[in-house]
Structures are given as C-alpha cells and as structure tokens.
Amino acid sequence: MRVKSAAGRAAQFDFLGPQFDDLVADVQACRVCPRMCNSRRVLSRSAGPLNAVIMFIGEAPGRLGADESGIPFHGDKAGHNFEALLRHVGLSRYDVFVTNAVLCNPRDTAGNNAPPSRQELLACARFLKRQIDLVSPKIVVTLGTNALLAASTVEPHNLILRDHVRSAHAWYGRTLIPAYHPGQRAVIHRSMSNQLSDFQYIAECAKRRGGSRRVSSGSTSTDTYAIVRHILELKPTLSYFALHKLFYLCEVQSLKALGRRLTNAYIVRQKDGPYCTDLHLAKLKRAIPDLQVSKGGAAIALSRGDTGLFDAIGPAVHASSSRLALSSDAGSVVKAVIEKYGKSADSRLKTVVYLTSPMKSLLALEKDRGVNTYNTPINFDLVRSRQRLPESAP
C-alpha cells in the first residue's frame, strides 16, 4: 500500500484538529439520552487518524471496555477480538478510525450492557455524520445491525446485515461494507473464521482504494508478546506500569538503532505516559498463561512463573505466533533498553519516557495550543536516529 509521508499526516492533523476538538467538546457536553448521562463519552484522538482510509463503526462503548478505557473497541472481549482481527489481516489501528453509532454506554436496569434504542441512535446520528464528514474515509465498515441502521440515518440505504455482509456498496460518496460485530453474541451467527474472511475482504478493498500503511506494518513486524517475553527474561519481576514504559522505550530505541519499529502495537498517551493496547492484562494472560500477576493497592506486579513461563504461548493469541523468536537485532534492542533502564524506579521511567521526542511533542501541543492529548496515538515519526534516549538515573 502507498505510504503517506510524515509531513503529509502532520499537515492533515493540523488542518482538521481544531474541528475535531470542537466535535469532541460537543459530544462531552451532550446530555440528551437520560440513561447514559453518567456514562463516559467515548470520542477522542484514540479513535485514530483524521485522514484514515477506513472508518469502523460499532454499536456502543462496552461497560467493561471503552466505557472504562476511553478507547473504542478496547478492553473487553469484543475489543480484543476486533484488535486481533485487524492484526490478522495486516491492518493497524494507526491507519483506521474506530468509533460507535452511540458514543456512550447504554445499560439495562441491572447495570449490564444493553442495545441502544432507536431514539438513542437518532440522537447520536448528528455526531456520526460529523465524524464521517471530518475524516472523509473512502471505506465505512459497520459492525453489527445497529451500526448498519445508524448509517442509514446519515444517508438512507436498504442493506440488511445477513444478506449483504462482506459486500461493497456505494453510499454517501464512499463505499459501505456491512460486517458482524466481533462480540461474543455475534459469533453465534457469524463464526470468527468467517469474520476473519470479512476483515480480509475489507483489507483488500482498502488496498484497491489506495489505503495507507505505515512502514512498520506487515509480516516483518516482531510479535508483541515476544518482546514482552524477552523483557521478562531479562527482568523477571517488574510493575505493570514499568512494562508499558519499557516496551515503549524499546520501540523508540529500535527506530534509532534499526530505523523501524519492532511491532505494530497501538500506543497512546495517557496520564502516566505511553499505554500499549496490546499489553492489556487480559491479553497478556492469554498470551502468556504462566504469567504471575499480583496486586497491592493500585499497583500491579508481574513476574515469571515457576514452571517455565515461556515454554508454551497461548494458542489463541494470533496468527503471528510463529514469529515468537526474536531476531538478533530486536533482541539487542530489548537488551540495551533493559540494561539502561531496567533498574530505574517507576517514577524515573515516567520522566524518561516524557523526555522522548514523541511525548515532548504532545506536551508542547498541550502547552502551545491548549489541546487535550489524553489517549492521543503516539507519533513515532518524530523519532530521529541522531537523537539519543535520555540517560537513566544512577
């Protein structure tokens, strides 16, 4: 796929950013739907780039997923399935825009997830239309019946999910592809193997439409959990906080030393620094069955198991499990980072990551423009080989 230049992406970000920020502010102020007044409004730059070729539209944020994380399709089973499907077909969250038909979590009287009502879909339709108009994707993928129905509020169509799944249709000046929701209930009607074929079709359509792909994407990428494995081999006990920061520093160091990222992992800026979506605890436990997790108050500690932590990797992780062995170059990058920062306290690691170019650029954006960069995807294009990582504390 054609790769857009960093300057081109930056220019698009600057051009559309203020309009998107206005939209986010309007969403945050909305109180139209009574049962969702206390839910998080899930729309931020974590949705993806504002010049994405593909826009995915789900139903609504999940109670255990986006309503907690603030990142659409992340944190619950549906989010994990969605992220795995993207990875299987070579798509990166850095290159797609992900949102929902309803931007708040609807719940029933027992506090469980509930489908949005027709009135709630209509109430959020104006926000959905503004997102589509701003991002102007070439391809819109609806995930589930309610998302397909929501699309009809933007421009009418006669599509039915069961009849038109995995097919392309002209709609609103772009291509509309209906697909099933990746949640557990939908698997009854559409198996994960069929959904994988659906996503492969989506990826092929994007390729034909000239979709962008970052240089780091594709089959040459190292498996995320191979990096985690090597980090834990070199540092058998560490905090969950430190794992995210060390993983991020491995990516920065790889760009400096090798000129490419190690993985396609989606990393966003949160309050305490970089957060990697692939390092969600539920994903780590599935990928590394013998991972030991202990909690002390708000702190989470990780350690190697006593029975050969890395003798077996969870079979359901993803198709790239054959790449679990690190290349010598990747292994050297991880080793260099652990040797330099492995003994640093969490507070020091937080300082170190904020002194790297991508994080400094986000802080400057907040200071100079007053932009809220919470959950903003980290732009690794800002890393330059001539720059050095900050020195660790003695």
Protein backbone atom coordinates (compact mmCIF):
# COMPACT_ATOMS: atom_id res chain seq x y z
CA MET A 1 0.00 0.00 0.00
CA ARG A 2 1.11 3.56 -0.58
CA VAL A 3 2.71 5.18 2.46
CA LYS A 4 1.98 8.80 3.16
CA SER A 5 4.80 10.97 4.38
CA ALA A 6 5.03 12.09 7.98
CA ALA A 7 4.72 15.70 6.80
CA GLY A 8 1.51 14.85 4.96
CA ARG A 9 -0.01 13.22 8.03
CA ALA A 10 1.07 16.14 10.23
CA ALA A 11 -0.47 18.68 7.85
CA GLN A 12 -3.75 16.78 7.87
CA PHE A 13 -3.65 16.63 11.68
CA ASP A 14 -3.16 20.39 11.93
CA PHE A 15 -5.85 21.15 9.37
CA LEU A 16 -8.61 19.02 10.86
CA GLY A 17 -7.56 19.05 14.50
CA PRO A 18 -9.49 22.12 15.70
CA GLN A 19 -12.69 20.94 14.02
CA PHE A 20 -12.35 17.54 15.63
CA ASP A 21 -11.67 19.10 19.03
CA ASP A 22 -14.87 21.12 18.68
CA LEU A 23 -16.77 17.93 17.89
CA VAL A 24 -15.31 16.18 20.94
CA ALA A 25 -16.32 19.12 23.13
CA ASP A 26 -19.88 18.97 21.80
CA VAL A 27 -20.03 15.23 22.49
CA GLN A 28 -18.75 15.74 26.03
CA ALA A 29 -21.44 18.34 26.67
CA CYS A 30 -24.31 16.21 25.34
CA ARG A 31 -26.94 15.03 27.86
CA VAL A 32 -29.77 14.10 25.50
CA CYS A 33 -30.15 10.43 26.49
CA PRO A 34 -31.28 10.04 30.14
CA ARG A 35 -29.90 6.55 30.83
CA MET A 36 -26.44 7.47 29.54
CA CYS A 37 -25.90 10.75 31.36
CA ASN A 38 -23.40 9.12 33.75
CA SER A 39 -21.55 7.13 31.09
CA ARG A 40 -18.22 8.15 29.61
CA ARG A 41 -18.46 9.89 26.23
CA VAL A 42 -16.07 7.86 24.11
CA LEU A 43 -14.66 10.09 21.42
CA SER A 44 -11.06 11.28 21.39
CA ARG A 45 -7.95 11.05 19.23
CA SER A 46 -7.63 7.42 20.32
CA ALA A 47 -10.23 6.74 17.61
CA GLY A 48 -7.46 7.04 15.03
CA PRO A 49 -6.04 9.37 12.38
CA LEU A 50 -8.27 12.07 10.92
CA ASN A 51 -7.27 11.07 7.40
CA ALA A 52 -7.97 7.34 7.74
CA VAL A 53 -8.98 5.41 4.63
CA ILE A 54 -11.22 3.06 6.68
CA MET A 55 -13.75 4.00 9.37
CA PHE A 56 -15.16 1.22 11.55
CA ILE A 57 -18.48 1.94 13.27
CA GLY A 58 -19.53 -0.25 16.19
CA GLU A 59 -22.71 -0.21 18.23
CA ALA A 60 -21.78 1.50 21.52
CA PRO A 61 -18.95 1.50 24.09
CA GLY A 62 -18.96 -1.61 26.28
CA ARG A 63 -19.30 -1.40 30.07
CA LEU A 64 -16.05 -3.32 30.63
CA GLY A 65 -14.34 -1.96 27.53
CA ALA A 66 -14.39 1.54 26.09
CA ASP A 67 -16.55 2.90 28.92
CA GLU A 68 -13.56 2.20 31.18
CA SER A 69 -10.59 2.67 28.84
CA GLY A 70 -11.89 5.60 26.78
CA ILE A 71 -10.53 3.81 23.69
CA PRO A 72 -13.20 2.49 21.28
CA PHE A 73 -13.20 -1.30 20.92
CA HIS A 74 -10.59 -1.84 23.60
CA GLY A 75 -10.60 -3.52 26.99
CA ASP A 76 -13.34 -6.15 26.71
CA LYS A 77 -13.80 -9.35 24.73
CA ALA A 78 -15.29 -7.58 21.71
CA GLY A 79 -12.37 -5.15 21.70
CA HIS A 80 -9.80 -7.93 21.95
CA ASN A 81 -11.48 -9.78 19.07
CA PHE A 82 -11.57 -6.62 16.97
CA GLU A 83 -7.91 -5.84 17.55
CA ALA A 84 -6.96 -9.46 16.77
CA LEU A 85 -8.94 -9.36 13.50
CA LEU A 86 -7.14 -6.18 12.44
CA ARG A 87 -3.78 -7.73 13.25
CA HIS A 88 -4.57 -10.95 11.40
CA VAL A 89 -5.18 -9.09 8.12
CA GLY A 90 -2.28 -6.65 8.45
CA LEU A 91 -4.30 -3.57 9.39
CA SER A 92 -3.03 -1.23 12.10
CA ARG A 93 -5.09 0.91 14.44
CA TYR A 94 -2.72 3.69 13.42
CA ASP A 95 -4.31 3.62 9.98
CA VAL A 96 -8.04 3.20 10.74
CA PHE A 97 -10.61 5.35 12.54
CA VAL A 98 -12.77 3.49 15.06
CA THR A 99 -15.99 4.85 16.53
CA ASN A 100 -19.51 3.85 17.56
CA ALA A 101 -23.04 4.62 16.45
CA VAL A 102 -23.77 5.71 20.03
CA LEU A 103 -20.88 7.30 21.89
CA CYS A 104 -21.97 6.40 25.43
CA ASN A 105 -22.58 3.05 27.12
CA PRO A 106 -26.29 2.11 27.31
CA ARG A 107 -27.17 -0.18 30.23
CA ASP A 108 -30.27 -2.03 31.42
CA THR A 109 -31.78 -1.67 34.88
CA ALA A 110 -29.35 -4.29 36.22
CA GLY A 111 -26.36 -2.28 35.00
CA ASN A 112 -25.44 -4.61 32.16
CA ASN A 113 -24.73 -3.67 28.54
CA ALA A 114 -27.90 -3.10 26.53
CA PRO A 115 -28.52 -2.32 22.87
CA PRO A 116 -29.10 1.36 22.08
CA SER A 117 -32.67 2.29 21.33
CA ARG A 118 -33.82 3.77 18.05
CA GLN A 119 -34.16 7.15 19.79
CA GLU A 120 -30.58 6.94 21.10
CA LEU A 121 -29.27 6.08 17.63
CA LEU A 122 -31.10 9.07 16.21
CA ALA A 123 -29.81 11.34 18.98
CA CYS A 124 -26.20 10.43 18.14
CA ALA A 125 -26.68 10.49 14.36
CA ARG A 126 -25.55 14.12 14.10
CA PHE A 127 -22.24 13.21 15.76
CA LEU A 128 -21.76 10.22 13.50
CA LYS A 129 -22.34 12.36 10.41
CA ARG A 130 -19.83 14.97 11.62
CA GLN A 131 -17.20 12.27 12.18
CA ILE A 132 -17.69 10.87 8.69
CA ASP A 133 -17.58 14.35 7.15
CA LEU A 134 -14.38 15.27 9.03
CA VAL A 135 -12.44 12.06 8.45
CA SER A 136 -13.87 11.53 4.95
CA PRO A 137 -12.92 7.84 4.79
CA LYS A 138 -13.05 6.03 1.47
CA ILE A 139 -14.50 2.94 3.17
CA VAL A 140 -17.01 2.77 6.03
CA VAL A 141 -17.42 -0.60 7.78
CA THR A 142 -20.43 -1.09 10.04
CA LEU A 143 -20.04 -3.71 12.77
CA GLY A 144 -23.44 -5.17 13.59
CA THR A 145 -27.08 -4.44 12.85
CA ASN A 146 -27.35 -1.27 14.92
CA ALA A 147 -24.27 0.26 13.31
CA LEU A 148 -25.73 -0.51 9.87
CA LEU A 149 -29.01 1.08 10.97
CA ALA A 150 -27.13 4.13 12.23
CA ALA A 151 -25.51 4.55 8.81
CA SER A 152 -28.98 4.83 7.30
CA THR A 153 -29.62 7.89 9.48
CA VAL A 154 -26.73 9.62 7.71
CA GLU A 155 -27.87 8.56 4.23
CA PRO A 156 -30.68 6.04 3.62
CA HIS A 157 -29.85 2.57 2.34
CA ASN A 158 -31.70 -0.75 2.04
CA LEU A 159 -28.94 -3.04 3.26
CA ILE A 160 -29.61 -5.95 5.63
CA LEU A 161 -26.69 -7.43 7.53
CA ARG A 162 -27.37 -11.13 6.91
CA ASP A 163 -27.93 -10.54 3.19
CA HIS A 164 -25.19 -8.01 2.49
CA VAL A 165 -22.33 -8.98 4.83
CA ARG A 166 -18.91 -8.85 3.18
CA SER A 167 -20.08 -6.84 0.18
CA ALA A 168 -19.31 -3.32 -1.00
CA HIS A 169 -22.00 -0.71 -1.74
CA ALA A 170 -21.92 2.90 -2.87
CA TRP A 171 -23.13 5.09 -0.01
CA TYR A 172 -22.72 8.74 0.96
CA GLY A 173 -19.99 9.29 -1.61
CA ARG A 174 -17.91 6.36 -0.35
CA THR A 175 -18.01 2.55 0.00
CA LEU A 176 -20.09 0.92 2.74
CA ILE A 177 -19.25 -2.64 3.84
CA PRO A 178 -21.56 -4.35 6.38
CA ALA A 179 -19.84 -6.75 8.80
CA TYR A 180 -20.82 -8.50 12.02
CA HIS A 181 -19.99 -7.19 15.47
CA PRO A 182 -16.96 -9.01 16.94
CA GLY A 183 -18.64 -9.56 20.32
CA GLN A 184 -19.42 -12.97 21.77
CA ARG A 185 -23.12 -12.91 20.88
CA ALA A 186 -22.40 -12.34 17.21
CA VAL A 187 -20.21 -15.45 16.98
CA ILE A 188 -23.43 -17.49 17.17
CA HIS A 189 -24.45 -16.00 13.82
CA ARG A 190 -21.02 -15.42 12.28
CA SER A 191 -18.05 -17.56 13.29
CA MET A 192 -14.69 -15.95 13.94
CA SER A 193 -13.25 -17.72 10.90
CA ASN A 194 -15.95 -16.10 8.74
CA GLN A 195 -15.32 -12.76 10.42
CA LEU A 196 -11.63 -13.14 9.64
CA SER A 197 -12.56 -13.61 5.98
CA ASP A 198 -14.73 -10.50 6.22
CA PHE A 199 -11.79 -8.46 7.52
CA GLN A 200 -9.53 -9.84 4.81
CA TYR A 201 -12.07 -8.60 2.27
CA ILE A 202 -12.06 -5.18 3.96
CA ALA A 203 -8.25 -5.04 3.85
CA GLU A 204 -8.24 -5.97 0.16
CA CYS A 205 -10.81 -3.27 -0.60
CA ALA A 206 -8.64 -0.74 1.22
CA LYS A 207 -5.61 -1.80 -0.79
CA ARG A 208 -7.52 -1.34 -4.05
CA ARG A 209 -8.64 2.10 -2.89
CA GLY A 210 -5.05 3.19 -2.19
CA GLY A 211 -5.10 2.85 1.57
CA SER A 212 -2.01 3.89 3.51
CA ARG A 213 0.15 1.59 5.56
CA ARG A 214 2.99 2.61 7.83
CA VAL A 215 6.48 1.42 7.11
CA SER A 216 6.49 -0.72 10.25
CA SER A 217 3.37 -2.67 9.27
CA GLY A 218 3.33 -6.08 7.68
CA SER A 219 4.86 -9.50 8.10
CA THR A 220 8.30 -8.20 9.08
CA SER A 221 6.97 -6.92 12.40
CA THR A 222 8.13 -8.70 15.54
CA ASP A 223 5.45 -10.28 17.69
CA THR A 224 4.45 -8.02 20.60
CA TYR A 225 4.48 -10.88 23.09
CA ALA A 226 7.96 -11.96 22.02
CA ILE A 227 9.11 -8.53 23.18
CA VAL A 228 7.27 -8.98 26.48
CA ARG A 229 8.79 -12.43 26.87
CA HIS A 230 12.30 -11.08 26.40
CA ILE A 231 11.71 -8.17 28.76
CA LEU A 232 10.61 -10.62 31.47
CA GLU A 233 13.53 -12.93 30.76
CA LEU A 234 15.89 -10.03 31.43
CA LYS A 235 13.84 -8.54 34.26
CA PRO A 236 11.84 -11.37 35.87
CA THR A 237 9.84 -9.07 38.18
CA LEU A 238 8.52 -5.65 37.30
CA SER A 239 5.43 -3.49 37.64
CA TYR A 240 2.70 -3.41 35.02
CA PHE A 241 3.42 0.33 34.80
CA ALA A 242 7.09 -0.37 34.02
CA LEU A 243 6.22 -2.93 31.34
CA HIS A 244 4.36 -0.31 29.30
CA LYS A 245 7.18 2.21 29.64
CA LEU A 246 9.95 -0.27 28.82
CA PHE A 247 8.00 -1.58 25.83
CA TYR A 248 7.62 1.97 24.53
CA LEU A 249 11.33 2.67 25.04
CA CYS A 250 12.14 -0.48 23.05
CA GLU A 251 10.13 0.94 20.15
CA VAL A 252 11.91 4.29 20.39
CA GLN A 253 15.31 2.63 20.61
CA SER A 254 14.50 0.39 17.63
CA LEU A 255 13.70 3.41 15.48
CA LYS A 256 17.00 4.99 16.44
CA ALA A 257 19.11 1.84 16.02
CA LEU A 258 17.31 0.00 13.22
CA GLY A 259 15.24 2.70 11.51
CA ARG A 260 11.95 0.86 12.14
CA ARG A 261 9.58 -0.06 14.92
CA LEU A 262 9.67 -3.58 16.33
CA THR A 263 5.90 -4.10 16.28
CA ASN A 264 2.62 -2.66 15.03
CA ALA A 265 1.33 -2.21 18.59
CA TYR A 266 -1.05 0.73 19.09
CA ILE A 267 0.39 3.04 21.76
CA VAL A 268 -1.42 6.09 23.10
CA ARG A 269 -0.53 8.78 25.59
CA GLN A 270 -2.31 8.51 28.92
CA LYS A 271 -1.87 10.36 32.18
CA ASP A 272 1.21 8.42 33.27
CA GLY A 273 2.74 8.18 29.83
CA PRO A 274 2.60 5.64 26.99
CA TYR A 275 -0.04 2.91 27.15
CA CYS A 276 0.15 -0.04 24.73
CA THR A 277 -3.26 -1.54 23.92
CA ASP A 278 -1.70 -4.95 23.22
CA LEU A 279 -0.47 -5.06 26.83
CA HIS A 280 -3.96 -5.12 28.33
CA LEU A 281 -3.81 -7.58 31.24
CA ALA A 282 -6.42 -9.90 29.77
CA LYS A 283 -4.39 -10.16 26.56
CA LEU A 284 -1.16 -10.78 28.43
CA LYS A 285 -2.73 -13.58 30.47
CA ARG A 286 -3.99 -15.27 27.32
CA ALA A 287 -0.67 -14.84 25.53
CA ILE A 288 1.48 -15.93 28.49
CA PRO A 289 -0.54 -18.47 30.52
CA ASP A 290 2.02 -18.77 33.34
CA LEU A 291 2.34 -15.04 33.88
CA GLN A 292 2.07 -14.24 37.57
CA VAL A 293 0.02 -11.13 38.39
CA SER A 294 -0.23 -9.70 41.88
CA LYS A 295 -1.96 -6.56 43.10
CA GLY A 296 -1.04 -4.39 46.04
CA GLY A 297 -3.48 -1.49 46.25
CA ALA A 298 -3.45 0.29 42.91
CA ALA A 299 -0.10 -1.24 41.90
CA ILE A 300 0.12 -4.34 39.70
CA ALA A 301 3.26 -6.50 39.69
CA LEU A 302 4.22 -9.05 37.04
CA SER A 303 6.64 -11.94 37.37
CA ARG A 304 7.77 -15.13 35.71
CA GLY A 305 6.05 -18.36 36.67
CA ASP A 306 7.94 -21.18 38.38
CA THR A 307 7.19 -23.85 35.76
CA GLY A 308 8.72 -22.45 32.61
CA LEU A 309 6.80 -19.30 31.82
CA PHE A 310 7.71 -19.28 28.16
CA ASP A 311 7.55 -22.99 27.36
CA ALA A 312 4.07 -22.52 25.90
CA ILE A 313 2.34 -19.49 24.49
CA GLY A 314 -1.45 -19.30 24.39
CA PRO A 315 -2.65 -20.86 21.11
CA ALA A 316 -5.42 -18.30 20.63
CA VAL A 317 -3.20 -15.24 20.59
CA HIS A 318 -2.85 -14.55 16.85
CA ALA A 319 -1.52 -15.86 13.57
CA SER A 320 1.91 -14.34 14.06
CA SER A 321 2.78 -16.78 16.87
CA SER A 322 5.33 -18.37 14.55
CA ARG A 323 7.45 -15.24 14.97
CA LEU A 324 7.84 -15.55 18.74
CA ALA A 325 11.61 -15.94 18.48
CA LEU A 326 13.26 -12.52 18.41
CA SER A 327 15.73 -11.62 15.70
CA SER A 328 19.22 -10.79 16.90
CA ASP A 329 18.61 -7.11 16.10
CA ALA A 330 15.36 -7.00 18.08
CA GLY A 331 16.93 -8.91 20.95
CA SER A 332 19.80 -6.44 21.06
CA VAL A 333 17.36 -3.51 21.23
CA VAL A 334 15.45 -5.03 24.16
CA LYS A 335 18.66 -5.91 25.95
CA ALA A 336 20.03 -2.38 25.55
CA VAL A 337 16.85 -0.85 26.98
CA ILE A 338 16.72 -3.21 29.96
CA GLU A 339 20.42 -2.69 30.71
CA LYS A 340 19.89 1.07 30.66
CA TYR A 341 16.52 1.39 32.39
CA GLY A 342 15.75 -1.98 34.00
CA LYS A 343 16.80 -0.81 37.45
CA SER A 344 15.02 2.55 37.24
CA ALA A 345 12.15 3.23 39.61
CA ASP A 346 8.70 3.75 38.10
CA SER A 347 8.89 7.47 38.82
CA ARG A 348 12.16 7.70 36.91
CA LEU A 349 10.74 5.70 33.98
CA LYS A 350 7.87 8.16 33.76
CA THR A 351 10.38 11.02 33.50
CA VAL A 352 12.43 9.17 30.90
CA VAL A 353 9.52 8.49 28.56
CA TYR A 354 8.31 12.08 28.80
CA LEU A 355 11.76 13.24 27.66
CA THR A 356 11.50 11.32 24.36
CA SER A 357 10.58 13.23 21.21
CA PRO A 358 7.04 11.84 20.70
CA MET A 359 5.97 12.60 24.26
CA LYS A 360 7.63 16.03 24.29
CA SER A 361 5.72 16.92 21.12
CA LEU A 362 2.41 16.07 22.78
CA LEU A 363 3.26 18.18 25.82
CA ALA A 364 4.17 21.07 23.53
CA LEU A 365 0.85 20.69 21.73
CA GLU A 366 -0.98 20.92 25.05
CA LYS A 367 1.04 23.94 26.15
CA ASP A 368 1.03 25.90 22.89
CA ARG A 369 -2.48 25.14 21.63
CA GLY A 370 -4.35 24.04 24.72
CA VAL A 371 -5.15 20.69 23.06
CA ASN A 372 -6.10 17.77 25.28
CA THR A 373 -3.80 14.97 24.12
CA TYR A 374 -5.06 12.28 26.51
CA ASN A 375 -5.40 9.00 24.57
CA THR A 376 -3.73 10.55 21.51
CA PRO A 377 -1.84 7.95 19.43
CA ILE A 378 1.91 8.43 19.78
CA ASN A 379 3.58 9.61 16.58
CA PHE A 380 6.79 7.62 16.23
CA ASP A 381 7.66 9.54 13.04
CA LEU A 382 9.09 12.17 15.36
CA VAL A 383 11.92 9.88 16.43
CA ARG A 384 15.19 10.68 14.64
CA SER A 385 18.25 8.45 14.58
CA ARG A 386 20.57 11.27 15.60
CA GLN A 387 18.70 11.79 18.89
CA ARG A 388 19.68 9.87 21.99
CA LEU A 389 17.48 8.36 24.63
CA PRO A 390 17.57 10.21 27.96
CA GLU A 391 20.15 8.97 30.42
CA SER A 392 18.88 6.83 33.29
CA ALA A 393 19.38 7.74 36.89
CA PRO A 394 22.38 6.23 38.67
